[in-house]
Amino acid sequence: MEVTLSPQISKLVEQQIASGQYDSIDELFEVALSLLAKRDQYDQWVREVGEKIDVAIQQLEQVEGIDGETAILQFRQRLAQRQG
């Protein structure tokens, strides 16, 4: 596969190889593409969490929620019942 790089990207690639951190252009691009894939996974996770938060907010708006202290107390009581 042939790829044409812009002068700015070409210079950046040359600097990275010259730094000695990468042994080859292939290694540099492998690392870069791996990081890009991780970023895409993170972005997807952020979208999914955001959607879940939106659903939770809608649910809370439809019914009266409880304060955090009450929620923790109820959680502890349920936990104690399961252990007891």
C-alpha atoms as a PDB file:
ATOM      1  CA  MET A   1       0.000   0.000   0.000  1.00  0.00           C
ATOM      2  CA  GLU A   2       1.289   3.404  -0.880  1.00  0.00           C
ATOM      3  CA  VAL A   3       0.385   6.408   1.212  1.00  0.00           C
ATOM      4  CA  THR A   4       1.101  10.031   0.411  1.00  0.00           C
ATOM      5  CA  LEU A   5       1.710  12.164   3.469  1.00  0.00           C
ATOM      6  CA  SER A   6       1.387  15.910   3.715  1.00  0.00           C
ATOM      7  CA  PRO A   7       4.671  17.746   4.295  1.00  0.00           C
ATOM      8  CA  GLN A   8       3.715  18.425   7.931  1.00  0.00           C
ATOM      9  CA  ILE A   9       2.921  14.766   8.671  1.00  0.00           C
ATOM     10  CA  SER A  10       6.013  13.612   6.784  1.00  0.00           C
ATOM     11  CA  LYS A  11       8.183  15.914   8.910  1.00  0.00           C
ATOM     12  CA  LEU A  12       6.522  14.640  12.092  1.00  0.00           C
ATOM     13  CA  VAL A  13       7.162  11.022  11.057  1.00  0.00           C
ATOM     14  CA  GLU A  14      10.802  11.821  10.330  1.00  0.00           C
ATOM     15  CA  GLN A  15      11.178  13.515  13.733  1.00  0.00           C
ATOM     16  CA  GLN A  16       9.676  10.531  15.533  1.00  0.00           C
ATOM     17  CA  ILE A  17      11.973   8.065  13.750  1.00  0.00           C
ATOM     18  CA  ALA A  18      14.993  10.330  14.341  1.00  0.00           C
ATOM     19  CA  SER A  19      14.163  10.471  18.065  1.00  0.00           C
ATOM     20  CA  GLY A  20      15.009   6.776  18.295  1.00  0.00           C
ATOM     21  CA  GLN A  21      11.735   5.953  20.011  1.00  0.00           C
ATOM     22  CA  TYR A  22      10.599   3.944  16.974  1.00  0.00           C
ATOM     23  CA  ASP A  23      12.744   1.614  14.900  1.00  0.00           C
ATOM     24  CA  SER A  24      10.756   1.965  11.702  1.00  0.00           C
ATOM     25  CA  ILE A  25       7.917   3.786  10.039  1.00  0.00           C
ATOM     26  CA  ASP A  26       5.872   0.577  10.297  1.00  0.00           C
ATOM     27  CA  GLU A  27       6.348   0.515  14.075  1.00  0.00           C
ATOM     28  CA  LEU A  28       5.403   4.185  14.350  1.00  0.00           C
ATOM     29  CA  PHE A  29       2.214   3.698  12.342  1.00  0.00           C
ATOM     30  CA  GLU A  30       1.368   0.516  14.257  1.00  0.00           C
ATOM     31  CA  VAL A  31       1.547   2.439  17.538  1.00  0.00           C
ATOM     32  CA  ALA A  32      -0.380   5.390  16.089  1.00  0.00           C
ATOM     33  CA  LEU A  33      -3.162   3.191  14.716  1.00  0.00           C
ATOM     34  CA  SER A  34      -3.357   1.250  17.972  1.00  0.00           C
ATOM     35  CA  LEU A  35      -3.798   4.509  19.887  1.00  0.00           C
ATOM     36  CA  LEU A  36      -6.420   5.631  17.389  1.00  0.00           C
ATOM     37  CA  ALA A  37      -8.364   2.390  17.909  1.00  0.00           C
ATOM     38  CA  LYS A  38      -8.178   2.857  21.698  1.00  0.00           C
ATOM     39  CA  ARG A  39      -9.422   6.427  21.340  1.00  0.00           C
ATOM     40  CA  ASP A  40     -12.320   5.224  19.208  1.00  0.00           C
ATOM     41  CA  GLN A  41     -13.196   2.622  21.872  1.00  0.00           C
ATOM     42  CA  TYR A  42     -13.033   5.308  24.556  1.00  0.00           C
ATOM     43  CA  ASP A  43     -15.231   7.637  22.507  1.00  0.00           C
ATOM     44  CA  GLN A  44     -17.779   4.835  22.091  1.00  0.00           C
ATOM     45  CA  TRP A  45     -17.700   4.150  25.843  1.00  0.00           C
ATOM     46  CA  VAL A  46     -18.245   7.854  26.581  1.00  0.00           C
ATOM     47  CA  ARG A  47     -21.244   7.922  24.210  1.00  0.00           C
ATOM     48  CA  GLU A  48     -22.740   4.803  25.827  1.00  0.00           C
ATOM     49  CA  VAL A  49     -22.260   6.164  29.349  1.00  0.00           C
ATOM     50  CA  GLY A  50     -23.752   9.481  28.279  1.00  0.00           C
ATOM     51  CA  GLU A  51     -26.802   7.693  26.889  1.00  0.00           C
ATOM     52  CA  LYS A  52     -27.207   5.750  30.146  1.00  0.00           C
ATOM     53  CA  ILE A  53     -26.949   8.973  32.137  1.00  0.00           C
ATOM     54  CA  ASP A  54     -29.583  10.589  29.908  1.00  0.00           C
ATOM     55  CA  VAL A  55     -31.921   7.622  30.497  1.00  0.00           C
ATOM     56  CA  ALA A  56     -31.330   7.800  34.259  1.00  0.00           C
ATOM     57  CA  ILE A  57     -32.058  11.538  34.292  1.00  0.00           C
ATOM     58  CA  GLN A  58     -35.280  10.981  32.353  1.00  0.00           C
ATOM     59  CA  GLN A  59     -36.311   8.259  34.794  1.00  0.00           C
ATOM     60  CA  LEU A  60     -35.579  10.502  37.768  1.00  0.00           C
ATOM     61  CA  GLU A  61     -37.598  13.310  36.224  1.00  0.00           C
ATOM     62  CA  GLN A  62     -40.593  10.973  35.834  1.00  0.00           C
ATOM     63  CA  VAL A  63     -40.598   9.860  39.466  1.00  0.00           C
ATOM     64  CA  GLU A  64     -39.473  11.395  42.692  1.00  0.00           C
ATOM     65  CA  GLY A  65     -35.917  10.312  43.393  1.00  0.00           C
ATOM     66  CA  ILE A  66     -34.325   9.765  46.786  1.00  0.00           C
ATOM     67  CA  ASP A  67     -31.363  11.571  48.229  1.00  0.00           C
ATOM     68  CA  GLY A  68     -27.941   9.931  48.305  1.00  0.00           C
ATOM     69  CA  GLU A  69     -27.947   9.362  52.056  1.00  0.00           C
ATOM     70  CA  THR A  70     -31.224   7.420  51.877  1.00  0.00           C
ATOM     71  CA  ALA A  71     -29.970   5.405  48.915  1.00  0.00           C
ATOM     72  CA  ILE A  72     -26.800   4.395  50.812  1.00  0.00           C
ATOM     73  CA  LEU A  73     -28.846   3.475  53.903  1.00  0.00           C
ATOM     74  CA  GLN A  74     -31.169   1.299  51.819  1.00  0.00           C
ATOM     75  CA  PHE A  75     -28.209  -0.335  50.099  1.00  0.00           C
ATOM     76  CA  ARG A  76     -26.565  -1.124  53.435  1.00  0.00           C
ATOM     77  CA  GLN A  77     -29.809  -2.580  54.781  1.00  0.00           C
ATOM     78  CA  ARG A  78     -30.179  -4.869  51.735  1.00  0.00           C
ATOM     79  CA  LEU A  79     -26.552  -5.915  52.038  1.00  0.00           C
ATOM     80  CA  ALA A  80     -26.988  -6.699  55.732  1.00  0.00           C
ATOM     81  CA  GLN A  81     -30.076  -8.799  54.983  1.00  0.00           C
ATOM     82  CA  ARG A  82     -28.180 -10.849  52.405  1.00  0.00           C
ATOM     83  CA  GLN A  83     -25.286 -11.443  54.800  1.00  0.00           C
ATOM     84  CA  GLY A  84     -27.470 -12.134  57.808  1.00  0.00           C
END
